[in-house]
Amino acid sequence: MNFRQKSRSRLDITLTPMIDVVFLLLIFFMVTTTFSRETQIKIKLPEAEGEERDQQPKVISLTIDANGIYYVNDHQVINQKPATLKKAIIGAAGNSRALPFVISADAKTPYQAVITALDIASQAGFGRITFAAEGISNQ
């Protein structure tokens, strides 16, 4: 009788297939996340939700109607040339460039009119430029 134990080979767990599966899952999630981000870009402007302030600080207000006509502090700009608009903005601001500059544009305003106003406000030295938006009604 042979009572000696047979030498058994040692069992090893190979990690290579598991690492391959993890990398494939990582690649899958990276690719699907990229696709889902592109489908989320659906925006509707100009609406915003927020509380109104009780005391309104002095601001320079530039309003642009649906036809692209500019109004600086509720006074219509004589013509729609950028140089005239810049003079009107500087005249309304005086020496203070620290005042908030608010651009209020109609939803149907031509995009170029808004970009021109933003560019001219930046050239005039305003650093605090914001856009006004209508509040969302909770119905």
Protein backbone atom coordinates (compact mmCIF):
# COMPACT_ATOMS: atom_id res chain seq x y z
CA MET A 1 0.00 0.00 0.00
CA ASN A 2 1.20 3.31 -1.01
CA PHE A 3 0.21 5.98 1.56
CA ARG A 4 2.18 8.81 0.12
CA GLN A 5 0.23 11.83 -0.94
CA LYS A 6 0.28 12.70 -4.52
CA SER A 7 1.77 16.06 -5.21
CA ARG A 8 -0.93 18.25 -6.53
CA SER A 9 -0.24 21.19 -8.73
CA ARG A 10 -0.95 24.50 -7.19
CA LEU A 11 -4.06 26.32 -8.47
CA ASP A 12 -3.45 29.82 -9.77
CA ILE A 13 -6.03 32.42 -10.61
CA THR A 14 -5.02 34.24 -13.71
CA LEU A 15 -5.92 37.90 -13.62
CA THR A 16 -5.30 38.64 -17.28
CA PRO A 17 -8.81 37.76 -18.52
CA MET A 18 -10.38 39.72 -15.66
CA ILE A 19 -8.28 42.79 -16.46
CA ASP A 20 -9.29 42.51 -20.12
CA VAL A 21 -12.96 42.46 -19.16
CA VAL A 22 -12.54 45.50 -16.89
CA PHE A 23 -10.83 47.46 -19.68
CA LEU A 24 -13.59 46.54 -22.12
CA LEU A 25 -16.22 47.72 -19.65
CA LEU A 26 -14.29 50.94 -19.10
CA ILE A 27 -14.12 51.60 -22.84
CA PHE A 28 -17.83 50.80 -23.21
CA PHE A 29 -18.85 53.28 -20.51
CA MET A 30 -16.56 55.98 -21.87
CA VAL A 31 -18.05 55.68 -25.34
CA THR A 32 -21.68 55.60 -24.20
CA THR A 33 -21.17 58.57 -21.88
CA THR A 34 -19.88 60.64 -24.79
CA PHE A 35 -22.96 59.83 -26.88
CA SER A 36 -25.39 60.68 -24.09
CA ARG A 37 -23.80 64.11 -23.58
CA GLU A 38 -24.50 65.14 -27.17
CA THR A 39 -28.19 64.36 -26.86
CA GLN A 40 -28.59 66.55 -23.76
CA ILE A 41 -27.92 69.84 -25.55
CA LYS A 42 -31.46 71.18 -25.78
CA ILE A 43 -31.85 74.72 -24.52
CA LYS A 44 -34.59 77.31 -24.62
CA LEU A 45 -33.68 80.94 -24.09
CA PRO A 46 -34.25 83.52 -22.59
CA GLU A 47 -35.81 82.29 -19.36
CA ALA A 48 -34.29 82.07 -15.89
CA GLU A 49 -35.51 81.37 -12.42
CA GLY A 50 -34.50 83.51 -9.48
CA GLU A 51 -35.60 86.00 -6.92
CA GLU A 52 -35.87 89.70 -7.63
CA ARG A 53 -33.85 92.08 -5.54
CA ASP A 54 -35.61 94.60 -3.31
CA GLN A 55 -33.14 97.38 -4.02
CA GLN A 56 -31.87 97.74 -7.55
CA PRO A 57 -28.31 99.08 -7.81
CA LYS A 58 -27.39 101.56 -10.55
CA VAL A 59 -26.72 99.68 -13.78
CA ILE A 60 -26.11 100.45 -17.42
CA SER A 61 -28.99 98.84 -19.29
CA LEU A 62 -28.74 98.02 -22.98
CA THR A 63 -32.00 96.82 -24.50
CA ILE A 64 -32.21 95.29 -27.96
CA ASP A 65 -35.63 94.83 -29.54
CA ALA A 66 -36.66 92.17 -32.04
CA ASN A 67 -35.52 94.33 -34.98
CA GLY A 68 -32.03 94.84 -33.54
CA ILE A 69 -32.57 98.44 -32.45
CA TYR A 70 -30.48 99.47 -29.41
CA TYR A 71 -31.73 101.39 -26.36
CA VAL A 72 -29.25 102.61 -23.71
CA ASN A 73 -31.02 103.23 -20.40
CA ASP A 74 -34.38 103.35 -22.26
CA HIS A 75 -33.15 105.98 -24.77
CA GLN A 76 -32.99 104.89 -28.40
CA VAL A 77 -29.58 105.09 -30.06
CA ILE A 78 -29.69 107.43 -33.08
CA ASN A 79 -28.34 104.90 -35.57
CA GLN A 80 -27.27 101.30 -35.29
CA LYS A 81 -23.57 101.82 -36.04
CA PRO A 82 -21.14 100.36 -33.50
CA ALA A 83 -19.33 103.68 -33.01
CA THR A 84 -22.60 105.45 -32.12
CA LEU A 85 -23.55 102.67 -29.72
CA LYS A 86 -20.14 102.88 -28.03
CA LYS A 87 -20.49 106.67 -27.57
CA ALA A 88 -23.97 106.21 -26.07
CA ILE A 89 -22.74 103.56 -23.63
CA ILE A 90 -19.72 105.61 -22.55
CA GLY A 91 -21.95 108.70 -22.18
CA ALA A 92 -24.38 106.81 -19.94
CA ALA A 93 -21.61 105.31 -17.79
CA GLY A 94 -19.50 108.41 -17.36
CA ASN A 95 -16.20 107.54 -15.72
CA SER A 96 -17.45 104.46 -13.86
CA ARG A 97 -16.71 101.13 -15.55
CA ALA A 98 -17.39 99.14 -12.37
CA LEU A 99 -21.15 99.44 -12.83
CA PRO A 100 -22.97 96.26 -13.85
CA PHE A 101 -23.78 96.20 -17.56
CA VAL A 102 -27.04 94.40 -18.35
CA ILE A 103 -27.96 93.34 -21.88
CA SER A 104 -31.68 92.71 -22.33
CA ALA A 105 -32.46 91.23 -25.72
CA ASP A 106 -35.73 90.06 -27.18
CA ALA A 107 -35.91 86.33 -27.87
CA LYS A 108 -36.21 87.09 -31.61
CA THR A 109 -33.31 89.55 -31.69
CA PRO A 110 -30.75 88.82 -34.39
CA TYR A 111 -27.78 87.03 -32.88
CA GLN A 112 -25.33 89.45 -34.50
CA ALA A 113 -26.92 92.42 -32.69
CA VAL A 114 -26.32 90.77 -29.31
CA ILE A 115 -22.73 89.82 -30.16
CA THR A 116 -22.04 93.37 -31.37
CA ALA A 117 -23.42 94.80 -28.13
CA LEU A 118 -21.34 92.38 -26.07
CA ASP A 119 -18.20 93.27 -28.03
CA ILE A 120 -18.76 97.02 -27.70
CA ALA A 121 -19.42 96.74 -23.95
CA SER A 122 -16.18 94.83 -23.58
CA GLN A 123 -14.29 97.43 -25.65
CA ALA A 124 -15.75 100.20 -23.48
CA GLY A 125 -14.11 98.59 -20.44
CA PHE A 126 -17.02 96.91 -18.69
CA GLY A 127 -16.08 93.76 -16.81
CA ARG A 128 -19.40 92.90 -15.20
CA ILE A 129 -21.55 92.12 -18.24
CA THR A 130 -24.71 90.08 -17.68
CA PHE A 131 -27.78 89.10 -19.66
CA ALA A 132 -31.31 89.70 -18.45
CA ALA A 133 -33.81 86.87 -18.75
CA GLU A 134 -37.49 86.46 -18.10
CA GLY A 135 -38.57 84.46 -15.06
CA ILE A 136 -40.06 81.01 -15.55
CA SER A 137 -43.72 80.90 -14.62
CA ASN A 138 -44.66 78.04 -12.28
CA GLN A 139 -47.91 76.85 -13.80
